Amino acid sequence: MMLKISVCLTDIPKERIKRSKDGKKAYAEFLIGSLKEKDKYGNEFFVALSNSKEEREAKVETIFVGNGKEIGKKTTQPSATAAAAQATEVVEGDLPW
């Protein structure tokens, strides 16, 4: 099984982006969970930032940053028009970090 997820990078608070020991910067921890039912776009999963144990105990609100669906289970290929409609433009200047 493979999941295809979409994450809104601008929804990730700057303070939740971590630097690794080797100096790389853009790390964040995510949770992927099942939705009770598919949404109107066919998404079956949600993507949220992972809260620490302390944040969970303090009942800090979960930050949802995306969604997704399982891929590889369908036998038909999407049309070129459908694929083009799903494409998104990456604009680096708009990122919060």
PDB file of N, CA and C in Angstrom:
ATOM      1  N   MET A   1       0.840  -1.176   0.000  1.00  0.00           N
ATOM      2  CA  MET A   1       0.000   0.000   0.000  1.00  0.00           C
ATOM      3  C   MET A   1       0.885   1.239   0.000  1.00  0.00           C
ATOM      4  N   MET A   2       0.482   2.221  -0.759  1.00  0.00           N
ATOM      5  CA  MET A   2       1.163   3.513  -0.756  1.00  0.00           C
ATOM      6  C   MET A   2       0.120   4.588  -0.490  1.00  0.00           C
ATOM      7  N   LEU A   3       0.557   5.629   0.195  1.00  0.00           N
ATOM      8  CA  LEU A   3      -0.302   6.778   0.443  1.00  0.00           C
ATOM      9  C   LEU A   3       0.258   7.969  -0.303  1.00  0.00           C
ATOM     10  N   LYS A   4      -0.609   8.719  -0.908  1.00  0.00           N
ATOM     11  CA  LYS A   4      -0.231   9.981  -1.540  1.00  0.00           C
ATOM     12  C   LYS A   4      -0.804  11.064  -0.652  1.00  0.00           C
ATOM     13  N   ILE A   5       0.062  11.922  -0.096  1.00  0.00           N
ATOM     14  CA  ILE A   5      -0.419  12.976   0.789  1.00  0.00           C
ATOM     15  C   ILE A   5      -0.054  14.343   0.244  1.00  0.00           C
ATOM     16  N   SER A   6      -0.824  15.305   0.628  1.00  0.00           N
ATOM     17  CA  SER A   6      -0.587  16.700   0.282  1.00  0.00           C
ATOM     18  C   SER A   6      -0.484  17.469   1.588  1.00  0.00           C
ATOM     19  N   VAL A   7       0.601  18.233   1.756  1.00  0.00           N
ATOM     20  CA  VAL A   7       0.830  18.985   2.987  1.00  0.00           C
ATOM     21  C   VAL A   7       0.987  20.455   2.635  1.00  0.00           C
ATOM     22  N   CYS A   8       0.262  21.319   3.331  1.00  0.00           N
ATOM     23  CA  CYS A   8       0.386  22.764   3.157  1.00  0.00           C
ATOM     24  C   CYS A   8       1.547  23.232   4.030  1.00  0.00           C
ATOM     25  N   LEU A   9       2.675  23.517   3.423  1.00  0.00           N
ATOM     26  CA  LEU A   9       3.873  23.903   4.179  1.00  0.00           C
ATOM     27  C   LEU A   9       3.702  25.213   4.927  1.00  0.00           C
ATOM     28  N   THR A  10       2.883  26.101   4.419  1.00  0.00           N
ATOM     29  CA  THR A  10       2.685  27.380   5.116  1.00  0.00           C
ATOM     30  C   THR A  10       1.846  27.227   6.368  1.00  0.00           C
ATOM     31  N   ASP A  11       1.180  26.081   6.557  1.00  0.00           N
ATOM     32  CA  ASP A  11       0.412  25.827   7.784  1.00  0.00           C
ATOM     33  C   ASP A  11       1.288  25.314   8.922  1.00  0.00           C
ATOM     34  N   ILE A  12       2.556  25.030   8.636  1.00  0.00           N
ATOM     35  CA  ILE A  12       3.462  24.526   9.663  1.00  0.00           C
ATOM     36  C   ILE A  12       4.097  25.717  10.378  1.00  0.00           C
ATOM     37  N   PRO A  13       3.816  25.900  11.668  1.00  0.00           N
ATOM     38  CA  PRO A  13       4.430  27.019  12.395  1.00  0.00           C
ATOM     39  C   PRO A  13       5.951  26.910  12.377  1.00  0.00           C
ATOM     40  N   LYS A  14       6.600  28.045  12.226  1.00  0.00           N
ATOM     41  CA  LYS A  14       8.059  28.093  12.124  1.00  0.00           C
ATOM     42  C   LYS A  14       8.740  27.376  13.293  1.00  0.00           C
ATOM     43  N   GLU A  15       8.188  27.515  14.500  1.00  0.00           N
ATOM     44  CA  GLU A  15       8.807  26.907  15.682  1.00  0.00           C
ATOM     45  C   GLU A  15       8.689  25.389  15.702  1.00  0.00           C
ATOM     46  N   ARG A  16       7.839  24.817  14.839  1.00  0.00           N
ATOM     47  CA  ARG A  16       7.678  23.356  14.787  1.00  0.00           C
ATOM     48  C   ARG A  16       8.635  22.706  13.778  1.00  0.00           C
ATOM     49  N   ILE A  17       9.394  23.522  13.048  1.00  0.00           N
ATOM     50  CA  ILE A  17      10.378  22.998  12.097  1.00  0.00           C
ATOM     51  C   ILE A  17      11.682  22.808  12.833  1.00  0.00           C
ATOM     52  N   LYS A  18      12.214  21.603  12.774  1.00  0.00           N
ATOM     53  CA  LYS A  18      13.387  21.252  13.568  1.00  0.00           C
ATOM     54  C   LYS A  18      14.636  21.141  12.713  1.00  0.00           C
ATOM     55  N   ARG A  19      15.765  21.383  13.342  1.00  0.00           N
ATOM     56  CA  ARG A  19      17.071  21.234  12.703  1.00  0.00           C
ATOM     57  C   ARG A  19      17.665  19.913  13.186  1.00  0.00           C
ATOM     58  N   SER A  20      18.209  19.144  12.248  1.00  0.00           N
ATOM     59  CA  SER A  20      18.826  17.873  12.629  1.00  0.00           C
ATOM     60  C   SER A  20      20.255  18.102  13.110  1.00  0.00           C
ATOM     61  N   LYS A  21      20.866  17.069  13.663  1.00  0.00           N
ATOM     62  CA  LYS A  21      22.236  17.178  14.168  1.00  0.00           C
ATOM     63  C   LYS A  21      23.239  17.484  13.067  1.00  0.00           C
ATOM     64  N   ASP A  22      22.916  17.088  11.827  1.00  0.00           N
ATOM     65  CA  ASP A  22      23.844  17.363  10.723  1.00  0.00           C
ATOM     66  C   ASP A  22      23.603  18.737  10.089  1.00  0.00           C
ATOM     67  N   GLY A  23      22.690  19.529  10.674  1.00  0.00           N
ATOM     68  CA  GLY A  23      22.462  20.894  10.228  1.00  0.00           C
ATOM     69  C   GLY A  23      21.332  21.072   9.228  1.00  0.00           C
ATOM     70  N   LYS A  24      20.780  19.979   8.727  1.00  0.00           N
ATOM     71  CA  LYS A  24      19.659  20.112   7.806  1.00  0.00           C
ATOM     72  C   LYS A  24      18.485  20.689   8.582  1.00  0.00           C
ATOM     73  N   LYS A  25      17.687  21.541   7.927  1.00  0.00           N
ATOM     74  CA  LYS A  25      16.681  22.279   8.677  1.00  0.00           C
ATOM     75  C   LYS A  25      15.244  21.784   8.525  1.00  0.00           C
ATOM     76  N   ALA A  26      14.765  21.423   7.437  1.00  0.00           N
ATOM     77  CA  ALA A  26      13.325  21.297   7.208  1.00  0.00           C
ATOM     78  C   ALA A  26      12.705  19.992   7.687  1.00  0.00           C
ATOM     79  N   TYR A  27      12.775  19.703   8.979  1.00  0.00           N
ATOM     80  CA  TYR A  27      12.161  18.500   9.528  1.00  0.00           C
ATOM     81  C   TYR A  27      10.958  18.860  10.389  1.00  0.00           C
ATOM     82  N   ALA A  28       9.896  18.094  10.213  1.00  0.00           N
ATOM     83  CA  ALA A  28       8.716  18.212  11.065  1.00  0.00           C
ATOM     84  C   ALA A  28       8.141  16.809  11.207  1.00  0.00           C
ATOM     85  N   GLU A  29       7.542  16.522  12.350  1.00  0.00           N
ATOM     86  CA  GLU A  29       6.960  15.203  12.579  1.00  0.00           C
ATOM     87  C   GLU A  29       5.461  15.264  12.305  1.00  0.00           C
ATOM     88  N   PHE A  30       4.964  14.260  11.582  1.00  0.00           N
ATOM     89  CA  PHE A  30       3.568  14.210  11.185  1.00  0.00           C
ATOM     90  C   PHE A  30       2.878  12.950  11.684  1.00  0.00           C
ATOM     91  N   LEU A  31       1.583  13.044  11.827  1.00  0.00           N
ATOM     92  CA  LEU A  31       0.719  11.898  12.060  1.00  0.00           C
ATOM     93  C   LEU A  31      -0.170  11.755  10.837  1.00  0.00           C
ATOM     94  N   ILE A  32      -0.416  10.528  10.414  1.00  0.00           N
ATOM     95  CA  ILE A  32      -1.363  10.262   9.342  1.00  0.00           C
ATOM     96  C   ILE A  32      -2.413   9.334   9.919  1.00  0.00           C
ATOM     97  N   GLY A  33      -3.660   9.758   9.856  1.00  0.00           N
ATOM     98  CA  GLY A  33      -4.751   8.967  10.411  1.00  0.00           C
ATOM     99  C   GLY A  33      -5.880   8.802   9.420  1.00  0.00           C
ATOM    100  N   SER A  34      -6.696   7.803   9.629  1.00  0.00           N
ATOM    101  CA  SER A  34      -7.831   7.523   8.747  1.00  0.00           C
ATOM    102  C   SER A  34      -9.004   8.446   9.062  1.00  0.00           C
ATOM    103  N   LEU A  35      -9.655   8.916   8.006  1.00  0.00           N
ATOM    104  CA  LEU A  35     -10.910   9.646   8.162  1.00  0.00           C
ATOM    105  C   LEU A  35     -12.035   8.629   8.342  1.00  0.00           C
ATOM    106  N   LYS A  36     -13.099   9.003   9.019  1.00  0.00           N
ATOM    107  CA  LYS A  36     -14.233   8.095   9.202  1.00  0.00           C
ATOM    108  C   LYS A  36     -14.881   7.745   7.873  1.00  0.00           C
ATOM    109  N   GLU A  37     -14.901   8.715   6.954  1.00  0.00           N
ATOM    110  CA  GLU A  37     -15.402   8.477   5.598  1.00  0.00           C
ATOM    111  C   GLU A  37     -14.658   9.395   4.644  1.00  0.00           C
ATOM    112  N   LYS A  38     -14.620   9.027   3.377  1.00  0.00           N
ATOM    113  CA  LYS A  38     -13.920   9.831   2.377  1.00  0.00           C
ATOM    114  C   LYS A  38     -14.543  11.216   2.278  1.00  0.00           C
ATOM    115  N   ASP A  39     -13.683  12.221   2.008  1.00  0.00           N
ATOM    116  CA  ASP A  39     -14.223  13.562   1.796  1.00  0.00           C
ATOM    117  C   ASP A  39     -14.675  13.706   0.341  1.00  0.00           C
ATOM    118  N   LYS A  40     -15.129  14.884  -0.031  1.00  0.00           N
ATOM    119  CA  LYS A  40     -15.674  15.077  -1.381  1.00  0.00           C
ATOM    120  C   LYS A  40     -14.624  14.947  -2.478  1.00  0.00           C
ATOM    121  N   TYR A  41     -13.340  14.952  -2.112  1.00  0.00           N
ATOM    122  CA  TYR A  41     -12.260  14.787  -3.088  1.00  0.00           C
ATOM    123  C   TYR A  41     -11.710  13.364  -3.098  1.00  0.00           C
ATOM    124  N   GLY A  42     -12.284  12.487  -2.309  1.00  0.00           N
ATOM    125  CA  GLY A  42     -11.824  11.101  -2.255  1.00  0.00           C
ATOM    126  C   GLY A  42     -10.698  10.861  -1.268  1.00  0.00           C
ATOM    127  N   ASN A  43     -10.355  11.865  -0.471  1.00  0.00           N
ATOM    128  CA  ASN A  43      -9.288  11.688   0.523  1.00  0.00           C
ATOM    129  C   ASN A  43      -9.760  10.762   1.630  1.00  0.00           C
ATOM    130  N   GLU A  44      -8.863   9.860   2.035  1.00  0.00           N
ATOM    131  CA  GLU A  44      -9.176   8.868   3.050  1.00  0.00           C
ATOM    132  C   GLU A  44      -8.409   9.094   4.349  1.00  0.00           C
ATOM    133  N   PHE A  45      -7.422  10.013   4.330  1.00  0.00           N
ATOM    134  CA  PHE A  45      -6.534  10.222   5.462  1.00  0.00           C
ATOM    135  C   PHE A  45      -6.364  11.697   5.752  1.00  0.00           C
ATOM    136  N   PHE A  46      -6.007  12.006   7.001  1.00  0.00           N
ATOM    137  CA  PHE A  46      -5.629  13.370   7.366  1.00  0.00           C
ATOM    138  C   PHE A  46      -4.148  13.370   7.725  1.00  0.00           C
ATOM    139  N   VAL A  47      -3.524  14.534   7.615  1.00  0.00           N
ATOM    140  CA  VAL A  47      -2.130  14.723   8.014  1.00  0.00           C
ATOM    141  C   VAL A  47      -2.116  15.851   9.027  1.00  0.00           C
ATOM    142  N   ALA A  48      -1.485  15.598  10.179  1.00  0.00           N
ATOM    143  CA  ALA A  48      -1.413  16.600  11.245  1.00  0.00           C
ATOM    144  C   ALA A  48       0.005  16.632  11.803  1.00  0.00           C
ATOM    145  N   LEU A  49       0.370  17.745  12.395  1.00  0.00           N
ATOM    146  CA  LEU A  49       1.647  17.811  13.101  1.00  0.00           C
ATOM    147  C   LEU A  49       1.549  16.958  14.355  1.00  0.00           C
ATOM    148  N   SER A  50       2.605  16.246  14.661  1.00  0.00           N
ATOM    149  CA  SER A  50       2.639  15.399  15.848  1.00  0.00           C
ATOM    150  C   SER A  50       2.886  16.264  17.079  1.00  0.00           C
ATOM    151  N   ASN A  51       2.046  16.109  18.091  1.00  0.00           N
ATOM    152  CA  ASN A  51       2.232  16.830  19.356  1.00  0.00           C
ATOM    153  C   ASN A  51       3.106  16.005  20.294  1.00  0.00           C
ATOM    154  N   SER A  52       3.917  16.686  21.086  1.00  0.00           N
ATOM    155  CA  SER A  52       4.739  16.013  22.093  1.00  0.00           C
ATOM    156  C   SER A  52       3.841  15.495  23.215  1.00  0.00           C
ATOM    157  N   LYS A  53       4.388  14.668  24.083  1.00  0.00           N
ATOM    158  CA  LYS A  53       3.627  14.154  25.228  1.00  0.00           C
ATOM    159  C   LYS A  53       3.117  15.308  26.083  1.00  0.00           C
ATOM    160  N   GLU A  54       3.973  16.304  26.305  1.00  0.00           N
ATOM    161  CA  GLU A  54       3.592  17.464  27.116  1.00  0.00           C
ATOM    162  C   GLU A  54       2.444  18.241  26.454  1.00  0.00           C
ATOM    163  N   GLU A  55       2.507  18.390  25.139  1.00  0.00           N
ATOM    164  CA  GLU A  55       1.442  19.101  24.419  1.00  0.00           C
ATOM    165  C   GLU A  55       0.123  18.330  24.492  1.00  0.00           C
ATOM    166  N   ARG A  56       0.209  17.003  24.377  1.00  0.00           N
ATOM    167  CA  ARG A  56      -1.012  16.185  24.489  1.00  0.00           C
ATOM    168  C   ARG A  56      -1.616  16.306  25.885  1.00  0.00           C
ATOM    169  N   GLU A  57      -0.763  16.250  26.921  1.00  0.00           N
ATOM    170  CA  GLU A  57      -1.258  16.373  28.298  1.00  0.00           C
ATOM    171  C   GLU A  57      -1.866  17.748  28.554  1.00  0.00           C
ATOM    172  N   ALA A  58      -1.308  18.783  27.921  1.00  0.00           N
ATOM    173  CA  ALA A  58      -1.837  20.144  28.078  1.00  0.00           C
ATOM    174  C   ALA A  58      -3.020  20.402  27.141  1.00  0.00           C
ATOM    175  N   LYS A  59      -3.391  19.371  26.380  1.00  0.00           N
ATOM    176  CA  LYS A  59      -4.509  19.453  25.445  1.00  0.00           C
ATOM    177  C   LYS A  59      -4.334  20.579  24.418  1.00  0.00           C
ATOM    178  N   VAL A  60      -3.085  20.713  23.911  1.00  0.00           N
ATOM    179  CA  VAL A  60      -2.808  21.681  22.854  1.00  0.00           C
ATOM    180  C   VAL A  60      -3.532  21.228  21.592  1.00  0.00           C
ATOM    181  N   GLU A  61      -4.158  22.157  20.910  1.00  0.00           N
ATOM    182  CA  GLU A  61      -4.940  21.833  19.722  1.00  0.00           C
ATOM    183  C   GLU A  61      -4.048  21.242  18.621  1.00  0.00           C
ATOM    184  N   THR A  62      -4.539  20.216  17.962  1.00  0.00           N
ATOM    185  CA  THR A  62      -3.835  19.568  16.862  1.00  0.00           C
ATOM    186  C   THR A  62      -3.871  20.481  15.645  1.00  0.00           C
ATOM    187  N   ILE A  63      -2.740  20.583  14.951  1.00  0.00           N
ATOM    188  CA  ILE A  63      -2.657  21.400  13.742  1.00  0.00           C
ATOM    189  C   ILE A  63      -2.732  20.461  12.540  1.00  0.00           C
ATOM    190  N   PHE A  64      -3.828  20.543  11.787  1.00  0.00           N
ATOM    191  CA  PHE A  64      -4.007  19.738  10.591  1.00  0.00           C
ATOM    192  C   PHE A  64      -3.384  20.459   9.408  1.00  0.00           C
ATOM    193  N   VAL A  65      -2.541  19.762   8.652  1.00  0.00           N
ATOM    194  CA  VAL A  65      -1.800  20.404   7.565  1.00  0.00           C
ATOM    195  C   VAL A  65      -2.033  19.770   6.204  1.00  0.00           C
ATOM    196  N   GLY A  66      -2.816  18.701   6.132  1.00  0.00           N
ATOM    197  CA  GLY A  66      -3.023  18.088   4.828  1.00  0.00           C
ATOM    198  C   GLY A  66      -3.947  16.896   4.866  1.00  0.00           C
ATOM    199  N   ASN A  67      -3.964  16.188   3.743  1.00  0.00           N
ATOM    200  CA  ASN A  67      -4.822  15.025   3.582  1.00  0.00           C
ATOM    201  C   ASN A  67      -4.215  14.088   2.550  1.00  0.00           C
ATOM    202  N   GLY A  68      -4.846  12.957   2.330  1.00  0.00           N
ATOM    203  CA  GLY A  68      -4.303  12.029   1.355  1.00  0.00           C
ATOM    204  C   GLY A  68      -5.235  10.878   1.065  1.00  0.00           C
ATOM    205  N   LYS A  69      -4.768  10.050   0.134  1.00  0.00           N
ATOM    206  CA  LYS A  69      -5.533   8.882  -0.266  1.00  0.00           C
ATOM    207  C   LYS A  69      -4.587   7.754  -0.621  1.00  0.00           C
ATOM    208  N   GLU A  70      -5.093   6.549  -0.584  1.00  0.00           N
ATOM    209  CA  GLU A  70      -4.317   5.387  -0.962  1.00  0.00           C
ATOM    210  C   GLU A  70      -4.224   5.354  -2.481  1.00  0.00           C
ATOM    211  N   ILE A  71      -3.024   5.038  -2.980  1.00  0.00           N
ATOM    212  CA  ILE A  71      -2.855   4.921  -4.429  1.00  0.00           C
ATOM    213  C   ILE A  71      -2.349   3.526  -4.759  1.00  0.00           C
ATOM    214  N   GLY A  72      -2.434   3.177  -6.000  1.00  0.00           N
ATOM    215  CA  GLY A  72      -1.936   1.887  -6.440  1.00  0.00           C
ATOM    216  C   GLY A  72      -2.975   0.793  -6.420  1.00  0.00           C
ATOM    217  N   LYS A  73      -4.188   1.078  -5.943  1.00  0.00           N
ATOM    218  CA  LYS A  73      -5.218   0.053  -5.896  1.00  0.00           C
ATOM    219  C   LYS A  73      -6.177   0.145  -7.069  1.00  0.00           C
ATOM    220  N   LYS A  74      -6.069   1.203  -7.871  1.00  0.00           N
ATOM    221  CA  LYS A  74      -6.948   1.386  -9.017  1.00  0.00           C
ATOM    222  C   LYS A  74      -6.267   0.826 -10.259  1.00  0.00           C
ATOM    223  N   THR A  75      -7.043   0.342 -11.194  1.00  0.00           N
ATOM    224  CA  THR A  75      -6.474  -0.234 -12.406  1.00  0.00           C
ATOM    225  C   THR A  75      -6.484   0.735 -13.571  1.00  0.00           C
ATOM    226  N   THR A  76      -7.186   1.859 -13.469  1.00  0.00           N
ATOM    227  CA  THR A  76      -7.240   2.819 -14.561  1.00  0.00           C
ATOM    228  C   THR A  76      -6.310   3.991 -14.275  1.00  0.00           C
ATOM    229  N   GLN A  77      -5.768   4.568 -15.318  1.00  0.00           N
ATOM    230  CA  GLN A  77      -4.890   5.726 -15.208  1.00  0.00           C
ATOM    231  C   GLN A  77      -5.726   6.991 -15.325  1.00  0.00           C
ATOM    232  N   PRO A  78      -5.413   8.044 -14.558  1.00  0.00           N
ATOM    233  CA  PRO A  78      -6.152   9.301 -14.704  1.00  0.00           C
ATOM    234  C   PRO A  78      -5.844   9.940 -16.046  1.00  0.00           C
ATOM    235  N   SER A  79      -6.788  10.671 -16.572  1.00  0.00           N
ATOM    236  CA  SER A  79      -6.573  11.358 -17.841  1.00  0.00           C
ATOM    237  C   SER A  79      -5.554  12.475 -17.651  1.00  0.00           C
ATOM    238  N   ALA A  80      -4.995  12.944 -18.756  1.00  0.00           N
ATOM    239  CA  ALA A  80      -4.023  14.041 -18.699  1.00  0.00           C
ATOM    240  C   ALA A  80      -4.671  15.288 -18.110  1.00  0.00           C
ATOM    241  N   THR A  81      -5.942  15.511 -18.395  1.00  0.00           N
ATOM    242  CA  THR A  81      -6.653  16.670 -17.855  1.00  0.00           C
ATOM    243  C   THR A  81      -6.775  16.577 -16.341  1.00  0.00           C
ATOM    244  N   ALA A  82      -7.117  15.396 -15.835  1.00  0.00           N
ATOM    245  CA  ALA A  82      -7.240  15.213 -14.384  1.00  0.00           C
ATOM    246  C   ALA A  82      -5.888  15.380 -13.710  1.00  0.00           C
ATOM    247  N   ALA A  83      -4.826  14.846 -14.319  1.00  0.00           N
ATOM    248  CA  ALA A  83      -3.486  14.977 -13.743  1.00  0.00           C
ATOM    249  C   ALA A  83      -3.063  16.441 -13.710  1.00  0.00           C
ATOM    250  N   ALA A  84      -3.361  17.181 -14.761  1.00  0.00           N
ATOM    251  CA  ALA A  84      -3.004  18.606 -14.809  1.00  0.00           C
ATOM    252  C   ALA A  84      -3.775  19.392 -13.757  1.00  0.00           C
ATOM    253  N   ALA A  85      -5.013  19.005 -13.499  1.00  0.00           N
ATOM    254  CA  ALA A  85      -5.830  19.699 -12.506  1.00  0.00           C
ATOM    255  C   ALA A  85      -5.288  19.499 -11.099  1.00  0.00           C
ATOM    256  N   GLN A  86      -4.591  18.363 -10.854  1.00  0.00           N
ATOM    257  CA  GLN A  86      -4.046  18.087  -9.533  1.00  0.00           C
ATOM    258  C   GLN A  86      -2.680  18.730  -9.322  1.00  0.00           C
ATOM    259  N   ALA A  87      -2.033  19.168 -10.386  1.00  0.00           N
ATOM    260  CA  ALA A  87      -0.702  19.751 -10.263  1.00  0.00           C
ATOM    261  C   ALA A  87      -0.779  21.069  -9.495  1.00  0.00           C
ATOM    262  N   THR A  88       0.235  21.321  -8.659  1.00  0.00           N
ATOM    263  CA  THR A  88       0.285  22.581  -7.916  1.00  0.00           C
ATOM    264  C   THR A  88       1.612  23.250  -8.158  1.00  0.00           C
ATOM    265  N   GLU A  89       1.637  24.543  -8.068  1.00  0.00           N
ATOM    266  CA  GLU A  89       2.843  25.328  -8.272  1.00  0.00           C
ATOM    267  C   GLU A  89       3.554  25.531  -6.938  1.00  0.00           C
ATOM    268  N   VAL A  90       4.862  25.298  -6.916  1.00  0.00           N
ATOM    269  CA  VAL A  90       5.650  25.506  -5.704  1.00  0.00           C
ATOM    270  C   VAL A  90       6.245  26.902  -5.773  1.00  0.00           C
ATOM    271  N   VAL A  91       5.949  27.695  -4.770  1.00  0.00           N
ATOM    272  CA  VAL A  91       6.457  29.070  -4.707  1.00  0.00           C
ATOM    273  C   VAL A  91       7.299  29.175  -3.444  1.00  0.00           C
ATOM    274  N   GLU A  92       8.623  29.099  -3.590  1.00  0.00           N
ATOM    275  CA  GLU A  92       9.509  29.060  -2.443  1.00  0.00           C
ATOM    276  C   GLU A  92       9.474  30.335  -1.612  1.00  0.00           C
ATOM    277  N   GLY A  93       9.223  31.472  -2.215  1.00  0.00           N
ATOM    278  CA  GLY A  93       9.220  32.726  -1.491  1.00  0.00           C
ATOM    279  C   GLY A  93       8.099  32.829  -0.464  1.00  0.00           C
ATOM    280  N   ASP A  94       7.088  31.975  -0.595  1.00  0.00           N
ATOM    281  CA  ASP A  94       5.944  32.030   0.311  1.00  0.00           C
ATOM    282  C   ASP A  94       6.086  31.131   1.519  1.00  0.00           C
ATOM    283  N   LEU A  95       7.182  30.375   1.619  1.00  0.00           N
ATOM    284  CA  LEU A  95       7.353  29.459   2.734  1.00  0.00           C
ATOM    285  C   LEU A  95       7.688  30.242   4.002  1.00  0.00           C
ATOM    286  N   PRO A  96       7.227  29.751   5.169  1.00  0.00           N
ATOM    287  CA  PRO A  96       7.405  30.512   6.410  1.00  0.00           C
ATOM    288  C   PRO A  96       8.812  30.496   6.956  1.00  0.00           C
ATOM    289  N   TRP A  97       9.727  29.745   6.379  1.00  0.00           N
ATOM    290  CA  TRP A  97      11.085  29.682   6.893  1.00  0.00           C
ATOM    291  C   TRP A  97      12.005  30.013   5.804  1.00  0.00           C
TER     292      TRP A  97
END
